[in-house]
């Protein structure tokens, strides 16, 4: 199960890895998107004003899903970039409900030190919803980086992304990630922005170089219980 704050985070964080796991290992996937991802672009949250864009954003999710191949997705409407105004318990309850339905063994989510407050709160909610009790089925929790949300943390902040888990991916996997990301009309950017196609490929090459493979995506293994 993949738990993200916004539409496009599932692509930015692990799009290539998801594509590989689905196509090469027949992994069953469920993507939970907590926030609507649009309304922070105005001073006040006005869902009606952004009604057209919100509908387009949800259609973009479907196109991204086709590019990557993930199986199921559900989108909630928590306020974009305002998760700090929502009770943490409300986020936890949603995750617990989706977890109970899907029964995941592995959960991917945001790095807890991202500059984006929604990413931080999503991480906190996942960790809380997955307390390591005897009956907990999600034995593995993995966090990912989000380009333009992880690397922009202050250099003096102690919560930097320090990966200890890498998935080697192919150029086909990377191209699927880029195709999916380009589906997001409101989120895609031109080079040298971190979300541009060129930058996403460069980032995969960078991590690949670090671990001796052509392309890779990087993660932090937060918990693994065998």
Foldseek 3Di string as FASTA:
>chain_A
DEEEAEPLQVLQWQQLVLLCCCPPVVDADEYEHEALAPQVVDPDRDCVVCVVVSVLQVVLSVQLCVLSVHDYYDYHHDYHLVCVVPPLVVLLVVVLVVCVVPVDQEYEAAQLQWPRVSRVSRVVSVCVNQPPDPPRRNQWYKYGYGAVTQVPGDPPDPRHFDFDDKDAGDVSSLVSSQSSLVSRPVREDDPPRCRHSVNSLVVQCVVCVVVVHRGMGTIHTPGHDD
